[in-house]
C-alpha atoms as a PDB file:
ATOM      1  CA  MET A   1     -30.215  43.799 -51.997  1.00  0.00           C
ATOM      2  CA  THR A   2     -32.005  44.111 -48.667  1.00  0.00           C
ATOM      3  CA  ALA A   3     -31.796  42.616 -45.204  1.00  0.00           C
ATOM      4  CA  ILE A   4     -35.366  41.297 -45.577  1.00  0.00           C
ATOM      5  CA  SER A   5     -34.344  39.001 -48.436  1.00  0.00           C
ATOM      6  CA  GLY A   6     -31.536  37.580 -46.323  1.00  0.00           C
ATOM      7  CA  MET A   7     -29.001  38.294 -49.070  1.00  0.00           C
ATOM      8  CA  ALA A   8     -27.470  41.407 -47.493  1.00  0.00           C
ATOM      9  CA  PRO A   9     -25.821  39.606 -44.533  1.00  0.00           C
ATOM     10  CA  ILE A  10     -24.759  36.731 -46.801  1.00  0.00           C
ATOM     11  CA  ASN A  11     -23.199  39.158 -49.256  1.00  0.00           C
ATOM     12  CA  THR A  12     -21.460  41.031 -46.442  1.00  0.00           C
ATOM     13  CA  ALA A  13     -20.003  37.797 -45.054  1.00  0.00           C
ATOM     14  CA  LEU A  14     -18.772  36.727 -48.498  1.00  0.00           C
ATOM     15  CA  GLN A  15     -17.189  40.132 -49.088  1.00  0.00           C
ATOM     16  CA  ARG A  16     -15.342  39.970 -45.775  1.00  0.00           C
ATOM     17  CA  LEU A  17     -14.022  36.476 -46.507  1.00  0.00           C
ATOM     18  CA  THR A  18     -12.966  37.575 -49.976  1.00  0.00           C
ATOM     19  CA  GLY A  19     -11.286  40.687 -48.574  1.00  0.00           C
ATOM     20  CA  ARG A  20      -9.234  38.567 -46.188  1.00  0.00           C
ATOM     21  CA  ALA A  21      -8.205  36.269 -49.029  1.00  0.00           C
ATOM     22  CA  ILE A  22      -7.132  39.252 -51.148  1.00  0.00           C
ATOM     23  CA  PHE A  23      -5.138  40.743 -48.262  1.00  0.00           C
ATOM     24  CA  ASN A  24      -3.395  37.393 -47.763  1.00  0.00           C
ATOM     25  CA  LYS A  25      -2.608  37.231 -51.483  1.00  0.00           C
ATOM     26  CA  PHE A  26      -0.846  40.592 -51.334  1.00  0.00           C
ATOM     27  CA  ALA A  27       0.881  39.623 -48.084  1.00  0.00           C
ATOM     28  CA  LEU A  28       2.324  36.540 -49.773  1.00  0.00           C
ATOM     29  CA  LEU A  29       3.535  38.706 -52.641  1.00  0.00           C
ATOM     30  CA  ALA A  30       5.166  41.093 -50.167  1.00  0.00           C
ATOM     31  CA  ARG A  31       7.145  38.275 -48.560  1.00  0.00           C
ATOM     32  CA  LYS A  32       8.685  37.436 -51.956  1.00  0.00           C
ATOM     33  CA  GLY A  33      10.431  40.792 -52.230  1.00  0.00           C
ATOM     34  CA  ASP A  34      10.359  42.598 -55.571  1.00  0.00           C
ATOM     35  CA  VAL A  35       7.630  41.288 -57.863  1.00  0.00           C
ATOM     36  CA  THR A  36       6.554  41.903 -61.447  1.00  0.00           C
ATOM     37  CA  ALA A  37       2.947  42.821 -62.149  1.00  0.00           C
ATOM     38  CA  ASP A  38       1.213  40.117 -64.169  1.00  0.00           C
ATOM     39  CA  LYS A  39      -1.819  40.561 -66.406  1.00  0.00           C
ATOM     40  CA  ARG A  40      -4.258  40.386 -63.499  1.00  0.00           C
ATOM     41  CA  MET A  41      -2.399  43.019 -61.496  1.00  0.00           C
ATOM     42  CA  LEU A  42      -2.252  45.283 -64.524  1.00  0.00           C
ATOM     43  CA  GLY A  43      -6.000  44.759 -64.924  1.00  0.00           C
ATOM     44  CA  LEU A  44      -6.433  46.089 -61.388  1.00  0.00           C
ATOM     45  CA  GLY A  45      -4.528  49.241 -62.314  1.00  0.00           C
ATOM     46  CA  LEU A  46      -1.282  48.221 -60.599  1.00  0.00           C
ATOM     47  CA  SER A  47       1.949  48.624 -62.522  1.00  0.00           C
ATOM     48  CA  THR A  48       5.105  46.818 -61.442  1.00  0.00           C
ATOM     49  CA  ASP A  49       6.393  49.989 -59.754  1.00  0.00           C
ATOM     50  CA  MET A  50       3.142  50.568 -57.861  1.00  0.00           C
ATOM     51  CA  LEU A  51       2.871  46.906 -56.876  1.00  0.00           C
ATOM     52  CA  ASN A  52       6.359  47.012 -55.361  1.00  0.00           C
ATOM     53  CA  ARG A  53       5.499  50.208 -53.484  1.00  0.00           C
ATOM     54  CA  ILE A  54       2.454  48.438 -52.046  1.00  0.00           C
ATOM     55  CA  THR A  55       4.363  45.306 -51.057  1.00  0.00           C
ATOM     56  CA  LYS A  56       7.052  47.477 -49.443  1.00  0.00           C
ATOM     57  CA  GLU A  57       4.427  49.179 -47.261  1.00  0.00           C
ATOM     58  CA  ILE A  58       2.982  45.784 -46.328  1.00  0.00           C
ATOM     59  CA  ARG A  59       6.406  44.509 -45.265  1.00  0.00           C
ATOM     60  CA  THR A  60       7.108  47.578 -43.134  1.00  0.00           C
ATOM     61  CA  SER A  61       3.654  48.341 -41.703  1.00  0.00           C
ATOM     62  CA  ALA A  62       1.583  45.131 -41.590  1.00  0.00           C
ATOM     63  CA  SER A  63       1.739  42.855 -38.569  1.00  0.00           C
ATOM     64  CA  PHE A  64       2.176  39.088 -38.847  1.00  0.00           C
ATOM     65  CA  ASN A  65       1.820  36.108 -36.545  1.00  0.00           C
ATOM     66  CA  GLY A  66       4.556  33.960 -37.978  1.00  0.00           C
ATOM     67  CA  SER A  67       3.618  33.690 -41.648  1.00  0.00           C
ATOM     68  CA  ARG A  68      -0.017  34.616 -41.017  1.00  0.00           C
ATOM     69  CA  LEU A  69      -1.246  38.147 -41.678  1.00  0.00           C
ATOM     70  CA  LYS A  70      -2.866  39.762 -38.622  1.00  0.00           C
ATOM     71  CA  ALA A  71      -3.500  43.352 -39.729  1.00  0.00           C
ATOM     72  CA  MET A  72      -2.583  45.687 -42.572  1.00  0.00           C
ATOM     73  CA  ASN A  73      -2.304  48.714 -40.242  1.00  0.00           C
ATOM     74  CA  PHE A  74      -3.270  51.210 -42.917  1.00  0.00           C
ATOM     75  CA  ALA A  75      -2.852  54.125 -40.495  1.00  0.00           C
ATOM     76  CA  GLN A  76       0.886  53.429 -40.436  1.00  0.00           C
ATOM     77  CA  TRP A  77       1.365  53.479 -44.207  1.00  0.00           C
ATOM     78  CA  GLY A  78       3.615  56.351 -45.253  1.00  0.00           C
ATOM     79  CA  ASP A  79       2.967  56.084 -48.998  1.00  0.00           C
ATOM     80  CA  GLN A  80      -0.602  57.357 -49.287  1.00  0.00           C
ATOM     81  CA  GLU A  81      -0.620  57.029 -53.073  1.00  0.00           C
ATOM     82  CA  ALA A  82       0.234  53.339 -52.754  1.00  0.00           C
ATOM     83  CA  LEU A  83      -2.509  52.963 -50.139  1.00  0.00           C
ATOM     84  CA  ALA A  84      -5.099  54.525 -52.456  1.00  0.00           C
ATOM     85  CA  ALA A  85      -4.015  52.285 -55.344  1.00  0.00           C
ATOM     86  CA  PHE A  86      -4.166  49.232 -53.078  1.00  0.00           C
ATOM     87  CA  GLU A  87      -7.653  50.072 -51.802  1.00  0.00           C
ATOM     88  CA  ASN A  88      -8.896  50.585 -55.356  1.00  0.00           C
ATOM     89  CA  ALA A  89      -7.395  47.275 -56.492  1.00  0.00           C
ATOM     90  CA  VAL A  90      -8.929  45.368 -53.576  1.00  0.00           C
ATOM     91  CA  PHE A  91     -12.307  46.989 -54.244  1.00  0.00           C
ATOM     92  CA  ARG A  92     -12.220  46.069 -57.929  1.00  0.00           C
ATOM     93  CA  MET A  93     -11.091  42.515 -57.301  1.00  0.00           C
ATOM     94  CA  GLY A  94     -13.646  41.998 -54.530  1.00  0.00           C
ATOM     95  CA  ARG A  95     -16.569  43.180 -56.652  1.00  0.00           C
ATOM     96  CA  THR A  96     -15.505  40.813 -59.423  1.00  0.00           C
ATOM     97  CA  VAL A  97     -15.052  37.735 -57.245  1.00  0.00           C
ATOM     98  CA  ILE A  98     -18.280  38.478 -55.337  1.00  0.00           C
ATOM     99  CA  GLN A  99     -20.097  40.027 -58.249  1.00  0.00           C
ATOM    100  CA  GLU A 100     -22.069  43.194 -57.668  1.00  0.00           C
ATOM    101  CA  ASN A 101     -23.815  45.183 -60.347  1.00  0.00           C
ATOM    102  CA  ASP A 102     -22.519  48.666 -61.078  1.00  0.00           C
ATOM    103  CA  LEU A 103     -24.291  51.425 -62.960  1.00  0.00           C
ATOM    104  CA  GLY A 104     -21.542  51.248 -65.549  1.00  0.00           C
ATOM    105  CA  ASN A 105     -22.429  47.629 -66.338  1.00  0.00           C
ATOM    106  CA  MET A 106     -25.782  48.651 -67.792  1.00  0.00           C
ATOM    107  CA  ALA A 107     -26.537  50.472 -71.034  1.00  0.00           C
ATOM    108  CA  MET A 108     -28.584  53.676 -70.912  1.00  0.00           C
ATOM    109  CA  TRP A 109     -31.604  51.962 -72.479  1.00  0.00           C
ATOM    110  CA  MET A 110     -31.752  49.587 -69.494  1.00  0.00           C
ATOM    111  CA  SER A 111     -33.492  52.339 -67.513  1.00  0.00           C
ATOM    112  CA  HIS A 112     -36.442  52.336 -69.943  1.00  0.00           C
ATOM    113  CA  PRO A 113     -39.647  50.778 -68.483  1.00  0.00           C
ATOM    114  CA  LEU A 114     -39.853  48.214 -71.317  1.00  0.00           C
ATOM    115  CA  ALA A 115     -36.270  47.110 -70.715  1.00  0.00           C
ATOM    116  CA  LYS A 116     -36.936  46.847 -66.985  1.00  0.00           C
ATOM    117  CA  THR A 117     -39.925  44.605 -67.743  1.00  0.00           C
ATOM    118  CA  LEU A 118     -38.076  42.313 -70.139  1.00  0.00           C
ATOM    119  CA  PHE A 119     -34.949  42.007 -68.017  1.00  0.00           C
ATOM    120  CA  GLN A 120     -36.380  41.599 -64.510  1.00  0.00           C
ATOM    121  CA  PHE A 121     -34.075  39.326 -62.457  1.00  0.00           C
ATOM    122  CA  ARG A 122     -31.535  39.388 -65.291  1.00  0.00           C
ATOM    123  CA  THR A 123     -29.333  42.388 -64.500  1.00  0.00           C
ATOM    124  CA  PHE A 124     -26.922  40.098 -62.635  1.00  0.00           C
ATOM    125  CA  MET A 125     -26.623  37.938 -65.745  1.00  0.00           C
ATOM    126  CA  LEU A 126     -25.999  40.974 -67.954  1.00  0.00           C
ATOM    127  CA  ALA A 127     -23.272  42.247 -65.628  1.00  0.00           C
ATOM    128  CA  SER A 128     -21.569  38.837 -65.690  1.00  0.00           C
ATOM    129  CA  TRP A 129     -20.977  39.295 -69.426  1.00  0.00           C
ATOM    130  CA  SER A 130     -18.220  41.829 -68.774  1.00  0.00           C
ATOM    131  CA  LYS A 131     -17.183  41.022 -65.212  1.00  0.00           C
ATOM    132  CA  GLN A 132     -16.869  37.265 -65.685  1.00  0.00           C
ATOM    133  CA  PHE A 133     -16.911  36.160 -69.326  1.00  0.00           C
ATOM    134  CA  LEU A 134     -15.040  38.984 -71.092  1.00  0.00           C
ATOM    135  CA  ASN A 135     -12.662  39.422 -68.167  1.00  0.00           C
ATOM    136  CA  GLY A 136     -11.938  35.687 -68.188  1.00  0.00           C
ATOM    137  CA  LEU A 137     -11.308  35.643 -71.939  1.00  0.00           C
ATOM    138  CA  ASN A 138      -8.916  38.548 -71.529  1.00  0.00           C
ATOM    139  CA  MET A 139      -6.932  36.781 -68.793  1.00  0.00           C
ATOM    140  CA  ARG A 140      -6.924  33.278 -70.342  1.00  0.00           C
ATOM    141  CA  ASP A 141      -5.118  31.670 -67.406  1.00  0.00           C
ATOM    142  CA  PHE A 142      -5.581  28.795 -64.989  1.00  0.00           C
ATOM    143  CA  THR A 143      -7.475  31.024 -62.559  1.00  0.00           C
ATOM    144  CA  THR A 144     -10.063  31.644 -65.274  1.00  0.00           C
ATOM    145  CA  PHE A 145     -10.318  27.927 -66.040  1.00  0.00           C
ATOM    146  CA  ALA A 146     -10.725  27.102 -62.350  1.00  0.00           C
ATOM    147  CA  SER A 147     -13.366  29.806 -61.880  1.00  0.00           C
ATOM    148  CA  PHE A 148     -15.387  28.769 -64.931  1.00  0.00           C
ATOM    149  CA  SER A 149     -15.215  25.084 -64.002  1.00  0.00           C
ATOM    150  CA  THR A 150     -16.048  25.614 -60.329  1.00  0.00           C
ATOM    151  CA  THR A 151     -19.088  27.804 -60.933  1.00  0.00           C
ATOM    152  CA  ALA A 152     -20.432  25.366 -63.546  1.00  0.00           C
ATOM    153  CA  PHE A 153     -19.989  22.479 -61.092  1.00  0.00           C
ATOM    154  CA  LEU A 154     -21.695  24.386 -58.271  1.00  0.00           C
ATOM    155  CA  GLY A 155     -24.502  25.373 -60.640  1.00  0.00           C
ATOM    156  CA  THR A 156     -25.051  21.712 -61.493  1.00  0.00           C
ATOM    157  CA  MET A 157     -25.076  20.676 -57.837  1.00  0.00           C
ATOM    158  CA  SER A 158     -27.527  23.399 -56.802  1.00  0.00           C
ATOM    159  CA  PHE A 159     -29.871  22.443 -59.662  1.00  0.00           C
ATOM    160  CA  ALA A 160     -29.707  18.746 -58.760  1.00  0.00           C
ATOM    161  CA  THR A 161     -30.440  19.504 -55.098  1.00  0.00           C
ATOM    162  CA  ARG A 162     -33.386  21.730 -55.980  1.00  0.00           C
ATOM    163  CA  GLU A 163     -34.907  19.191 -58.361  1.00  0.00           C
ATOM    164  CA  TYR A 164     -34.491  16.395 -55.828  1.00  0.00           C
ATOM    165  CA  LEU A 165     -36.360  18.449 -53.226  1.00  0.00           C
ATOM    166  CA  ASN A 166     -39.064  19.352 -55.753  1.00  0.00           C
ATOM    167  CA  ALA A 167     -39.597  15.658 -56.471  1.00  0.00           C
ATOM    168  CA  GLN A 168     -40.550  14.838 -52.894  1.00  0.00           C
ATOM    169  CA  GLY A 169     -44.234  13.937 -52.571  1.00  0.00           C
ATOM    170  CA  ARG A 170     -44.801  13.434 -56.284  1.00  0.00           C
ATOM    171  CA  SER A 171     -46.516  10.249 -57.447  1.00  0.00           C
ATOM    172  CA  ASP A 172     -44.254  10.252 -60.516  1.00  0.00           C
ATOM    173  CA  ARG A 173     -41.091  10.925 -58.523  1.00  0.00           C
ATOM    174  CA  GLU A 174     -38.857   8.406 -60.292  1.00  0.00           C
ATOM    175  CA  LYS A 175     -39.945   9.494 -63.763  1.00  0.00           C
ATOM    176  CA  TYR A 176     -39.565  13.158 -62.821  1.00  0.00           C
ATOM    177  CA  LEU A 177     -36.037  12.661 -61.486  1.00  0.00           C
ATOM    178  CA  ALA A 178     -35.012  10.548 -64.477  1.00  0.00           C
ATOM    179  CA  GLU A 179     -36.083  13.356 -66.781  1.00  0.00           C
ATOM    180  CA  ARG A 180     -34.847  16.350 -64.805  1.00  0.00           C
ATOM    181  CA  LEU A 181     -31.544  14.813 -63.710  1.00  0.00           C
ATOM    182  CA  SER A 182     -30.524  13.373 -67.058  1.00  0.00           C
ATOM    183  CA  PRO A 183     -26.930  14.089 -68.157  1.00  0.00           C
ATOM    184  CA  GLN A 184     -28.176  16.575 -70.757  1.00  0.00           C
ATOM    185  CA  LYS A 185     -30.265  18.503 -68.217  1.00  0.00           C
ATOM    186  CA  LEU A 186     -27.442  18.562 -65.671  1.00  0.00           C
ATOM    187  CA  ALA A 187     -24.946  19.831 -68.247  1.00  0.00           C
ATOM    188  CA  ALA A 188     -27.314  22.563 -69.443  1.00  0.00           C
ATOM    189  CA  ALA A 189     -28.160  23.573 -65.863  1.00  0.00           C
ATOM    190  CA  GLY A 190     -24.487  23.777 -64.924  1.00  0.00           C
ATOM    191  CA  LEU A 191     -23.776  26.110 -67.818  1.00  0.00           C
ATOM    192  CA  GLN A 192     -26.883  28.241 -67.288  1.00  0.00           C
ATOM    193  CA  ASN A 193     -26.228  28.704 -63.564  1.00  0.00           C
ATOM    194  CA  SER A 194     -22.505  29.366 -63.922  1.00  0.00           C
ATOM    195  CA  SER A 195     -21.034  32.832 -63.469  1.00  0.00           C
ATOM    196  CA  TRP A 196     -19.956  33.269 -67.087  1.00  0.00           C
ATOM    197  CA  PHE A 197     -22.416  31.490 -69.428  1.00  0.00           C
ATOM    198  CA  GLY A 198     -25.654  33.136 -68.298  1.00  0.00           C
ATOM    199  CA  ILE A 199     -26.129  35.537 -71.205  1.00  0.00           C
ATOM    200  CA  PHE A 200     -25.804  32.778 -73.820  1.00  0.00           C
ATOM    201  CA  ALA A 201     -28.762  30.739 -72.506  1.00  0.00           C
ATOM    202  CA  PRO A 202     -31.505  33.262 -73.415  1.00  0.00           C
ATOM    203  CA  ILE A 203     -29.793  34.015 -76.733  1.00  0.00           C
ATOM    204  CA  ILE A 204     -29.795  30.332 -77.698  1.00  0.00           C
ATOM    205  CA  ASP A 205     -33.359  29.689 -76.488  1.00  0.00           C
ATOM    206  CA  THR A 206     -34.667  32.840 -78.182  1.00  0.00           C
ATOM    207  CA  THR A 207     -33.059  32.383 -81.588  1.00  0.00           C
ATOM    208  CA  ILE A 208     -31.603  28.936 -82.290  1.00  0.00           C
ATOM    209  CA  THR A 209     -33.951  26.458 -80.595  1.00  0.00           C
ATOM    210  CA  PRO A 210     -37.186  27.986 -82.023  1.00  0.00           C
ATOM    211  CA  ALA A 211     -35.642  28.060 -85.496  1.00  0.00           C
ATOM    212  CA  LEU A 212     -34.842  24.352 -85.196  1.00  0.00           C
ATOM    213  CA  GLY A 213     -38.287  23.542 -83.818  1.00  0.00           C
ATOM    214  CA  MET A 214     -36.839  22.390 -80.501  1.00  0.00           C
ATOM    215  CA  ASN A 215     -37.971  22.917 -76.924  1.00  0.00           C
ATOM    216  CA  ALA A 216     -35.916  25.216 -74.717  1.00  0.00           C
ATOM    217  CA  ILE A 217     -32.561  23.703 -73.813  1.00  0.00           C
ATOM    218  CA  PHE A 218     -31.947  25.838 -70.743  1.00  0.00           C
ATOM    219  CA  ASP A 219     -34.784  25.671 -68.204  1.00  0.00           C
ATOM    220  CA  ALA A 220     -32.911  25.712 -64.910  1.00  0.00           C
ATOM    221  CA  ARG A 221     -33.542  29.266 -63.698  1.00  0.00           C
ATOM    222  CA  ASN A 222     -34.029  29.615 -59.953  1.00  0.00           C
ATOM    223  CA  THR A 223     -37.114  31.762 -60.605  1.00  0.00           C
ATOM    224  CA  GLN A 224     -38.682  28.934 -62.680  1.00  0.00           C
ATOM    225  CA  GLN A 225     -39.232  31.448 -65.485  1.00  0.00           C
ATOM    226  CA  ALA A 226     -38.686  30.575 -69.140  1.00  0.00           C
ATOM    227  CA  SER A 227     -35.158  31.066 -70.408  1.00  0.00           C
ATOM    228  CA  ASP A 228     -35.902  32.986 -73.603  1.00  0.00           C
ATOM    229  CA  ALA A 229     -35.518  36.760 -73.669  1.00  0.00           C
ATOM    230  CA  VAL A 230     -39.148  37.575 -74.557  1.00  0.00           C
ATOM    231  CA  PHE A 231     -41.269  35.325 -72.350  1.00  0.00           C
ATOM    232  CA  GLY A 232     -38.812  34.716 -69.526  1.00  0.00           C
ATOM    233  CA  ASN A 233     -39.860  37.558 -67.234  1.00  0.00           C
ATOM    234  CA  PRO A 234     -42.267  37.786 -64.267  1.00  0.00           C
ATOM    235  CA  THR A 235     -44.825  39.898 -66.136  1.00  0.00           C
ATOM    236  CA  VAL A 236     -45.397  37.275 -68.833  1.00  0.00           C
ATOM    237  CA  GLY A 237     -45.152  34.567 -66.179  1.00  0.00           C
ATOM    238  CA  LEU A 238     -47.991  36.197 -64.244  1.00  0.00           C
ATOM    239  CA  LEU A 239     -50.182  36.280 -67.356  1.00  0.00           C
ATOM    240  CA  ASP A 240     -49.463  32.594 -67.984  1.00  0.00           C
ATOM    241  CA  ALA A 241     -50.320  31.777 -64.370  1.00  0.00           C
ATOM    242  CA  LEU A 242     -53.619  33.662 -64.583  1.00  0.00           C
ATOM    243  CA  LYS A 243     -54.475  31.792 -67.770  1.00  0.00           C
ATOM    244  CA  ALA A 244     -53.699  28.467 -66.104  1.00  0.00           C
ATOM    245  CA  ALA A 245     -55.759  29.430 -63.049  1.00  0.00           C
ATOM    246  CA  THR A 246     -58.901  29.752 -65.183  1.00  0.00           C
ATOM    247  CA  THR A 247     -58.756  26.013 -65.905  1.00  0.00           C
ATOM    248  CA  VAL A 248     -58.810  24.994 -62.241  1.00  0.00           C
ATOM    249  CA  PRO A 249     -62.627  25.140 -61.741  1.00  0.00           C
ATOM    250  CA  ALA A 250     -63.125  22.871 -64.746  1.00  0.00           C
ATOM    251  CA  GLU A 251     -60.634  20.374 -63.364  1.00  0.00           C
ATOM    252  CA  ILE A 252     -62.245  20.174 -59.928  1.00  0.00           C
ATOM    253  CA  VAL A 253     -65.462  18.226 -60.498  1.00  0.00           C
ATOM    254  CA  PRO A 254     -67.304  15.650 -58.344  1.00  0.00           C
ATOM    255  CA  ASN A 255     -66.148  12.009 -58.497  1.00  0.00           C
ATOM    256  CA  ARG A 256     -62.950  12.978 -60.259  1.00  0.00           C
ATOM    257  CA  ASP A 257     -59.712  11.417 -59.069  1.00  0.00           C
ATOM    258  CA  SER A 258     -57.340  14.055 -57.782  1.00  0.00           C
ATOM    259  CA  SER A 259     -54.038  14.233 -59.548  1.00  0.00           C
ATOM    260  CA  THR A 260     -50.702  15.731 -58.723  1.00  0.00           C
ATOM    261  CA  THR A 261     -51.192  18.383 -61.399  1.00  0.00           C
ATOM    262  CA  VAL A 262     -54.543  19.549 -60.018  1.00  0.00           C
ATOM    263  CA  ALA A 263     -53.284  19.510 -56.451  1.00  0.00           C
ATOM    264  CA  ARG A 264     -50.261  21.626 -57.357  1.00  0.00           C
ATOM    265  CA  MET A 265     -52.384  24.114 -59.317  1.00  0.00           C
END
C-alpha cells in the first residue's frame, strides 16, 4: 500500500477512526464496573481478570468530558502488563475491522513465482478467509451478522454505482443496465465484494459452473478480471487483451459504421 495509489492515507484515516471507536468501547465497559470477558474479548487474548485490570486503569487514568472519552493517558497507567495486553488487543481488533494482510495469513507456497502470478490482487481475499469468515463463524453473534450483511450491502451498492457509470455514453445503455443490474447480478456482486465471501467466488466459478456448462456467476471484480482461479489474473488478462487487439485492424475498414465495441477497443 503506497501513498501514490491514494490508499495509504485512506487506510490511515480508517485506522484512526476505528481506533477511536475501540477506545470508546473499552471506556464504556470501564464505566460499568466489573465485567466478564465474552467470546470476542477472549479471542483478543483478554481474560476476565485482565479485562477488569484494563478497565480499572481506564477509570483511574483516562480523562473524560462528561461521558465522552478525551484521552487514555497511557503514560499514567500503573499496570504496565494491563497496558501491553490492551495495546495488543486494540491492534488485533483494528487489523480485523480494517483488514490488513499479515505474513501469517499466507501459506509458504504463496511466495512461489507461480503462486504470485495466479493470485495477483487476491491476497486480500485469501486473508479474509481467516480474518473475516472463519472468525465470524467462530463468534456466531449479532456483530457477525451485522458485519456480513453490511459488507454485502455495500458491495452491492458499489457494484451498482460502477456499472451505472460504465453505462454512460453507450448506445445500448438501457439493455446494458437491465442485464448488469438484474437481481441475480446484484446478489452475486454483493456476495463477491463482501468481506467474507470472496474466496468462495473463484472456487465456484472454477469448479461448479464449468462442470454444469454455465457461464461464470461472479463477474463483479473491481479489476474486471475473470473470477475463476486459473484465468482470473492480470497475466492471462494481458494475453487476452493482446489477442483482442490483433482484431482491431480488421474491424477498422473504410465505409464501415463505427460501433461501440470498436470504439472501446
